[in-house]
C-alpha atoms as a PDB file:
ATOM      1  CA  UNK A   1     -26.963   1.254   1.862  1.00  0.00           C
ATOM      2  CA  UNK A   2     -29.503  -1.097   3.462  1.00  0.00           C
ATOM      3  CA  UNK A   3     -29.064  -2.122   7.237  1.00  0.00           C
ATOM      4  CA  UNK A   4     -28.147  -5.299   6.069  1.00  0.00           C
ATOM      5  CA  UNK A   5     -25.369  -4.212   3.738  1.00  0.00           C
ATOM      6  CA  UNK A   6     -24.131  -1.621   6.419  1.00  0.00           C
ATOM      7  CA  UNK A   7     -23.616  -4.434   9.109  1.00  0.00           C
ATOM      8  CA  UNK A   8     -21.638  -6.401   6.432  1.00  0.00           C
ATOM      9  CA  UNK A   9     -19.238  -3.513   5.973  1.00  0.00           C
ATOM     10  CA  UNK A  10     -19.187  -2.930   9.629  1.00  0.00           C
ATOM     11  CA  UNK A  11     -17.543  -6.242  10.337  1.00  0.00           C
ATOM     12  CA  UNK A  12     -15.123  -7.229  13.159  1.00  0.00           C
ATOM     13  CA  UNK A  13     -12.097  -5.399  11.568  1.00  0.00           C
ATOM     14  CA  UNK A  14     -14.152  -2.437  11.006  1.00  0.00           C
ATOM     15  CA  UNK A  15     -14.897  -2.272  14.825  1.00  0.00           C
ATOM     16  CA  UNK A  16     -11.454  -3.229  15.673  1.00  0.00           C
ATOM     17  CA  UNK A  17     -10.142  -0.307  13.548  1.00  0.00           C
ATOM     18  CA  UNK A  18     -12.534   2.021  15.420  1.00  0.00           C
ATOM     19  CA  UNK A  19     -11.405   0.636  18.851  1.00  0.00           C
ATOM     20  CA  UNK A  20      -7.810   0.784  18.142  1.00  0.00           C
ATOM     21  CA  UNK A  21      -7.857   4.572  16.487  1.00  0.00           C
ATOM     22  CA  UNK A  22      -7.088   3.436  12.943  1.00  0.00           C
ATOM     23  CA  UNK A  23      -8.343   5.493  10.082  1.00  0.00           C
ATOM     24  CA  UNK A  24      -9.805   2.113   8.286  1.00  0.00           C
ATOM     25  CA  UNK A  25     -10.321  -1.470   8.469  1.00  0.00           C
ATOM     26  CA  UNK A  26      -7.542  -2.059   5.832  1.00  0.00           C
ATOM     27  CA  UNK A  27      -4.918  -1.523   8.254  1.00  0.00           C
ATOM     28  CA  UNK A  28      -5.221  -5.375   9.336  1.00  0.00           C
ATOM     29  CA  UNK A  29      -4.353  -6.646   5.701  1.00  0.00           C
ATOM     30  CA  UNK A  30      -0.745  -4.678   6.132  1.00  0.00           C
ATOM     31  CA  UNK A  31      -0.868  -6.242   9.615  1.00  0.00           C
ATOM     32  CA  UNK A  32      -1.490  -9.604   8.352  1.00  0.00           C
ATOM     33  CA  UNK A  33       1.191  -9.155   5.704  1.00  0.00           C
ATOM     34  CA  UNK A  34       3.581  -8.004   8.102  1.00  0.00           C
ATOM     35  CA  UNK A  35       3.205 -10.660  10.490  1.00  0.00           C
ATOM     36  CA  UNK A  36       3.806 -13.200   7.658  1.00  0.00           C
ATOM     37  CA  UNK A  37       6.461 -11.563   5.812  1.00  0.00           C
ATOM     38  CA  UNK A  38       8.410  -9.423   8.258  1.00  0.00           C
ATOM     39  CA  UNK A  39       8.399  -6.504   6.273  1.00  0.00           C
ATOM     40  CA  UNK A  40       8.348  -3.517   8.769  1.00  0.00           C
ATOM     41  CA  UNK A  41      11.063  -3.017  11.296  1.00  0.00           C
ATOM     42  CA  UNK A  42      12.444   0.115  13.467  1.00  0.00           C
ATOM     43  CA  UNK A  43      14.308   2.564  11.864  1.00  0.00           C
ATOM     44  CA  UNK A  44      12.997   1.837   8.321  1.00  0.00           C
ATOM     45  CA  UNK A  45      12.314   4.410   5.410  1.00  0.00           C
ATOM     46  CA  UNK A  46       8.946   3.417   3.821  1.00  0.00           C
ATOM     47  CA  UNK A  47       6.694   4.581   0.829  1.00  0.00           C
ATOM     48  CA  UNK A  48       3.202   4.398   1.274  1.00  0.00           C
ATOM     49  CA  UNK A  49       1.427   5.040  -2.434  1.00  0.00           C
ATOM     50  CA  UNK A  50      -2.443   5.737  -2.041  1.00  0.00           C
ATOM     51  CA  UNK A  51      -2.213   6.297   1.844  1.00  0.00           C
ATOM     52  CA  UNK A  52      -5.526   7.897   2.213  1.00  0.00           C
ATOM     53  CA  UNK A  53      -7.423   7.657   4.618  1.00  0.00           C
ATOM     54  CA  UNK A  54      -4.215   6.759   6.490  1.00  0.00           C
ATOM     55  CA  UNK A  55      -4.471   3.536   8.180  1.00  0.00           C
ATOM     56  CA  UNK A  56      -1.614   2.038   6.625  1.00  0.00           C
ATOM     57  CA  UNK A  57       0.387   5.307   7.306  1.00  0.00           C
ATOM     58  CA  UNK A  58      -0.321   4.834  10.912  1.00  0.00           C
ATOM     59  CA  UNK A  59       0.535   1.485  11.285  1.00  0.00           C
ATOM     60  CA  UNK A  60       3.899   1.932   9.223  1.00  0.00           C
ATOM     61  CA  UNK A  61       4.931   4.701  11.597  1.00  0.00           C
ATOM     62  CA  UNK A  62       4.240   2.649  14.625  1.00  0.00           C
ATOM     63  CA  UNK A  63       6.477   0.070  13.202  1.00  0.00           C
ATOM     64  CA  UNK A  64       9.355   2.088  12.145  1.00  0.00           C
ATOM     65  CA  UNK A  65       9.520   4.245  15.255  1.00  0.00           C
ATOM     66  CA  UNK A  66      10.791   7.839  15.837  1.00  0.00           C
ATOM     67  CA  UNK A  67      13.937   6.844  14.022  1.00  0.00           C
ATOM     68  CA  UNK A  68      12.183   5.710  10.943  1.00  0.00           C
ATOM     69  CA  UNK A  69      10.415   7.697   8.291  1.00  0.00           C
ATOM     70  CA  UNK A  70       7.248   7.054   6.171  1.00  0.00           C
ATOM     71  CA  UNK A  71       6.352   9.084   3.090  1.00  0.00           C
ATOM     72  CA  UNK A  72       2.837   9.061   1.797  1.00  0.00           C
ATOM     73  CA  UNK A  73       1.293   9.969  -1.505  1.00  0.00           C
ATOM     74  CA  UNK A  74      -2.247  10.478  -2.342  1.00  0.00           C
ATOM     75  CA  UNK A  75      -4.615  12.551  -4.545  1.00  0.00           C
ATOM     76  CA  UNK A  76      -5.899  14.154  -1.560  1.00  0.00           C
ATOM     77  CA  UNK A  77      -4.696  15.382   1.729  1.00  0.00           C
ATOM     78  CA  UNK A  78      -5.360  13.250   4.744  1.00  0.00           C
ATOM     79  CA  UNK A  79      -8.329  14.231   7.120  1.00  0.00           C
ATOM     80  CA  UNK A  80      -6.025  14.474  10.267  1.00  0.00           C
ATOM     81  CA  UNK A  81      -2.357  15.552  10.434  1.00  0.00           C
ATOM     82  CA  UNK A  82       0.161  12.583   9.687  1.00  0.00           C
ATOM     83  CA  UNK A  83       2.341  11.139  12.573  1.00  0.00           C
ATOM     84  CA  UNK A  84       5.414  13.183  13.387  1.00  0.00           C
ATOM     85  CA  UNK A  85       7.638  10.621  11.706  1.00  0.00           C
ATOM     86  CA  UNK A  86       5.675  10.984   8.214  1.00  0.00           C
ATOM     87  CA  UNK A  87       5.422  13.384   5.404  1.00  0.00           C
ATOM     88  CA  UNK A  88       2.223  13.243   2.969  1.00  0.00           C
ATOM     89  CA  UNK A  89       2.496  14.648  -0.779  1.00  0.00           C
ATOM     90  CA  UNK A  90      -0.921  15.478  -2.177  1.00  0.00           C
ATOM     91  CA  UNK A  91      -0.379  14.680  -5.893  1.00  0.00           C
ATOM     92  CA  UNK A  92      -1.258  12.001  -8.643  1.00  0.00           C
ATOM     93  CA  UNK A  93       0.985   9.122  -8.210  1.00  0.00           C
ATOM     94  CA  UNK A  94       1.288   9.165 -12.070  1.00  0.00           C
ATOM     95  CA  UNK A  95       3.025  12.467 -11.921  1.00  0.00           C
ATOM     96  CA  UNK A  96       4.867  12.737  -8.508  1.00  0.00           C
ATOM     97  CA  UNK A  97       8.493  13.492  -8.792  1.00  0.00           C
ATOM     98  CA  UNK A  98      10.784  10.638  -7.706  1.00  0.00           C
ATOM     99  CA  UNK A  99      13.204  13.187  -6.476  1.00  0.00           C
ATOM    100  CA  UNK A 100      10.695  14.754  -4.231  1.00  0.00           C
ATOM    101  CA  UNK A 101       9.921  11.673  -2.403  1.00  0.00           C
ATOM    102  CA  UNK A 102      13.515  10.933  -1.870  1.00  0.00           C
ATOM    103  CA  UNK A 103      13.902  14.287  -0.138  1.00  0.00           C
ATOM    104  CA  UNK A 104      11.114  13.903   2.166  1.00  0.00           C
ATOM    105  CA  UNK A 105      12.630  10.440   3.006  1.00  0.00           C
ATOM    106  CA  UNK A 106      15.727  12.191   3.982  1.00  0.00           C
ATOM    107  CA  UNK A 107      17.595  11.454   0.835  1.00  0.00           C
ATOM    108  CA  UNK A 108      17.987   7.925   1.265  1.00  0.00           C
ATOM    109  CA  UNK A 109      16.391   4.882  -0.714  1.00  0.00           C
ATOM    110  CA  UNK A 110      13.009   3.296   0.790  1.00  0.00           C
ATOM    111  CA  UNK A 111      13.353  -0.012   2.499  1.00  0.00           C
ATOM    112  CA  UNK A 112       9.726  -0.770   1.702  1.00  0.00           C
ATOM    113  CA  UNK A 113       7.333   0.105  -0.816  1.00  0.00           C
ATOM    114  CA  UNK A 114       3.660  -0.193  -0.134  1.00  0.00           C
ATOM    115  CA  UNK A 115       0.688   0.276  -2.375  1.00  0.00           C
ATOM    116  CA  UNK A 116      -2.908  -0.253  -1.370  1.00  0.00           C
ATOM    117  CA  UNK A 117      -3.963   2.192  -4.601  1.00  0.00           C
ATOM    118  CA  UNK A 118      -7.138   1.311  -6.371  1.00  0.00           C
ATOM    119  CA  UNK A 119      -8.889   3.198  -9.275  1.00  0.00           C
ATOM    120  CA  UNK A 120     -12.073   5.043  -8.967  1.00  0.00           C
ATOM    121  CA  UNK A 121     -14.321   2.112 -10.149  1.00  0.00           C
ATOM    122  CA  UNK A 122     -16.501   2.241 -12.830  1.00  0.00           C
ATOM    123  CA  UNK A 123     -18.732  -1.002 -12.464  1.00  0.00           C
ATOM    124  CA  UNK A 124     -17.098  -2.059 -15.701  1.00  0.00           C
ATOM    125  CA  UNK A 125     -14.694  -5.087 -14.777  1.00  0.00           C
ATOM    126  CA  UNK A 126     -12.386  -4.787 -17.663  1.00  0.00           C
ATOM    127  CA  UNK A 127     -11.992  -0.885 -17.289  1.00  0.00           C
ATOM    128  CA  UNK A 128     -11.433  -1.048 -13.390  1.00  0.00           C
ATOM    129  CA  UNK A 129      -9.025  -3.637 -13.628  1.00  0.00           C
ATOM    130  CA  UNK A 130      -7.093  -2.076 -16.500  1.00  0.00           C
ATOM    131  CA  UNK A 131      -6.757   1.222 -14.337  1.00  0.00           C
ATOM    132  CA  UNK A 132      -5.866  -1.105 -11.345  1.00  0.00           C
ATOM    133  CA  UNK A 133      -2.621  -2.615 -13.504  1.00  0.00           C
ATOM    134  CA  UNK A 134      -1.929   0.897 -14.433  1.00  0.00           C
ATOM    135  CA  UNK A 135      -1.577   1.969 -10.792  1.00  0.00           C
ATOM    136  CA  UNK A 136       0.240  -1.168  -9.604  1.00  0.00           C
ATOM    137  CA  UNK A 137       2.883  -0.979 -12.516  1.00  0.00           C
ATOM    138  CA  UNK A 138       3.491   2.654 -11.629  1.00  0.00           C
ATOM    139  CA  UNK A 139       4.253   1.571  -8.059  1.00  0.00           C
ATOM    140  CA  UNK A 140       6.569  -1.122  -9.432  1.00  0.00           C
ATOM    141  CA  UNK A 141       8.501   1.456 -11.350  1.00  0.00           C
ATOM    142  CA  UNK A 142       8.909   3.854  -8.310  1.00  0.00           C
ATOM    143  CA  UNK A 143       9.935   0.713  -6.288  1.00  0.00           C
ATOM    144  CA  UNK A 144      12.737  -0.132  -8.955  1.00  0.00           C
ATOM    145  CA  UNK A 145      13.962   3.392  -8.863  1.00  0.00           C
ATOM    146  CA  UNK A 146      13.741   4.380  -5.157  1.00  0.00           C
ATOM    147  CA  UNK A 147      13.685   0.854  -3.489  1.00  0.00           C
ATOM    148  CA  UNK A 148      16.929  -0.179  -1.411  1.00  0.00           C
ATOM    149  CA  UNK A 149      18.597  -3.557  -2.437  1.00  0.00           C
ATOM    150  CA  UNK A 150      17.362  -6.276  -0.376  1.00  0.00           C
ATOM    151  CA  UNK A 151      13.989  -4.416   0.285  1.00  0.00           C
ATOM    152  CA  UNK A 152      10.206  -5.229   0.029  1.00  0.00           C
ATOM    153  CA  UNK A 153       7.413  -4.318  -1.936  1.00  0.00           C
ATOM    154  CA  UNK A 154       3.540  -4.772  -1.346  1.00  0.00           C
ATOM    155  CA  UNK A 155       1.232  -4.055  -4.121  1.00  0.00           C
ATOM    156  CA  UNK A 156      -2.484  -4.427  -4.536  1.00  0.00           C
ATOM    157  CA  UNK A 157      -4.062  -5.312  -8.064  1.00  0.00           C
ATOM    158  CA  UNK A 158      -7.302  -6.436  -9.306  1.00  0.00           C
ATOM    159  CA  UNK A 159      -7.500  -9.787 -10.638  1.00  0.00           C
ATOM    160  CA  UNK A 160      -8.157 -10.121 -14.653  1.00  0.00           C
ATOM    161  CA  UNK A 161      -6.356  -9.368 -17.764  1.00  0.00           C
ATOM    162  CA  UNK A 162      -2.963  -7.861 -17.184  1.00  0.00           C
ATOM    163  CA  UNK A 163      -2.359  -9.410 -13.962  1.00  0.00           C
ATOM    164  CA  UNK A 164       0.271 -11.914 -15.046  1.00  0.00           C
ATOM    165  CA  UNK A 165       2.119  -8.830 -16.680  1.00  0.00           C
ATOM    166  CA  UNK A 166       1.858  -7.159 -13.243  1.00  0.00           C
ATOM    167  CA  UNK A 167       2.889 -10.492 -11.169  1.00  0.00           C
ATOM    168  CA  UNK A 168       6.277 -10.654 -13.888  1.00  0.00           C
ATOM    169  CA  UNK A 169       7.337  -7.016 -13.317  1.00  0.00           C
ATOM    170  CA  UNK A 170       7.557  -8.186  -9.326  1.00  0.00           C
ATOM    171  CA  UNK A 171       9.187 -11.383  -9.876  1.00  0.00           C
ATOM    172  CA  UNK A 172      11.687  -9.501 -12.284  1.00  0.00           C
ATOM    173  CA  UNK A 173      12.947  -7.111  -9.752  1.00  0.00           C
ATOM    174  CA  UNK A 174      12.597  -9.248  -6.276  1.00  0.00           C
ATOM    175  CA  UNK A 175      14.117 -12.396  -5.416  1.00  0.00           C
ATOM    176  CA  UNK A 176      10.803 -13.838  -3.833  1.00  0.00           C
ATOM    177  CA  UNK A 177       7.261 -13.041  -4.536  1.00  0.00           C
ATOM    178  CA  UNK A 178       4.018 -14.259  -3.095  1.00  0.00           C
ATOM    179  CA  UNK A 179       0.394 -13.683  -4.216  1.00  0.00           C
ATOM    180  CA  UNK A 180      -1.825 -13.175  -0.900  1.00  0.00           C
ATOM    181  CA  UNK A 181      -5.341 -12.352   0.056  1.00  0.00           C
ATOM    182  CA  UNK A 182      -5.259 -11.308   3.570  1.00  0.00           C
ATOM    183  CA  UNK A 183      -8.101 -12.462   5.771  1.00  0.00           C
ATOM    184  CA  UNK A 184      -9.157  -8.948   6.198  1.00  0.00           C
ATOM    185  CA  UNK A 185      -9.827  -8.647   2.622  1.00  0.00           C
ATOM    186  CA  UNK A 186     -13.659  -8.831   1.825  1.00  0.00           C
ATOM    187  CA  UNK A 187     -15.019 -12.059   0.201  1.00  0.00           C
ATOM    188  CA  UNK A 188     -16.403 -10.471  -2.772  1.00  0.00           C
ATOM    189  CA  UNK A 189     -13.357  -8.333  -3.526  1.00  0.00           C
ATOM    190  CA  UNK A 190     -11.212  -9.150  -6.576  1.00  0.00           C
ATOM    191  CA  UNK A 191      -8.111  -7.523  -5.015  1.00  0.00           C
ATOM    192  CA  UNK A 192      -5.111  -9.592  -4.500  1.00  0.00           C
ATOM    193  CA  UNK A 193      -1.694  -8.244  -2.903  1.00  0.00           C
ATOM    194  CA  UNK A 194       1.606  -9.110  -4.622  1.00  0.00           C
ATOM    195  CA  UNK A 195       4.575  -9.208  -2.029  1.00  0.00           C
ATOM    196  CA  UNK A 196       8.220  -8.937  -3.150  1.00  0.00           C
ATOM    197  CA  UNK A 197      11.262  -9.511  -0.758  1.00  0.00           C
ATOM    198  CA  UNK A 198      14.691  -9.166  -1.454  1.00  0.00           C
ATOM    199  CA  UNK A 199      14.923  -6.472  -4.087  1.00  0.00           C
ATOM    200  CA  UNK A 200      17.901  -7.109  -6.702  1.00  0.00           C
END
């Protein structure tokens, strides 16, 4: 990576994340969404899909506090132990047993389901987008099964073919939906976040 590219990647969000002790700059995407939609509150149970490297998990744990619970899922373990009010399952999200997630949440449904999942990119836009939609639809499937009535959802998906289908799934499940590209998203990125509130 050239010095110019490195400087672009190490932008103000990157520097702020380092300064505040977050695992990645992506935390500020969630922060911006939370400030806009009021997603996270003390005492909630939160499911964080694609939780590595851990910045969304860190933020959610702070917001729900010691009386809340955050369950993270990722293919790999986190580099550092999760906060005390969190549990992380190292598992393919397409295969993770829903019952296991409920057990880790303490037996109750999830007030918020978060998905910052992205596929291993190939550089082939059609392939990458199709894989992104597959992960997004899995997140919605888990939200439908495990989310509490009245709860919320945030899911990342790459724009392109299949996006309309993914968006419709959220509209079917939630009373209110909105497509958002947070300020912290890199300009060149094709990713978009679909937010659903008021689970039916």
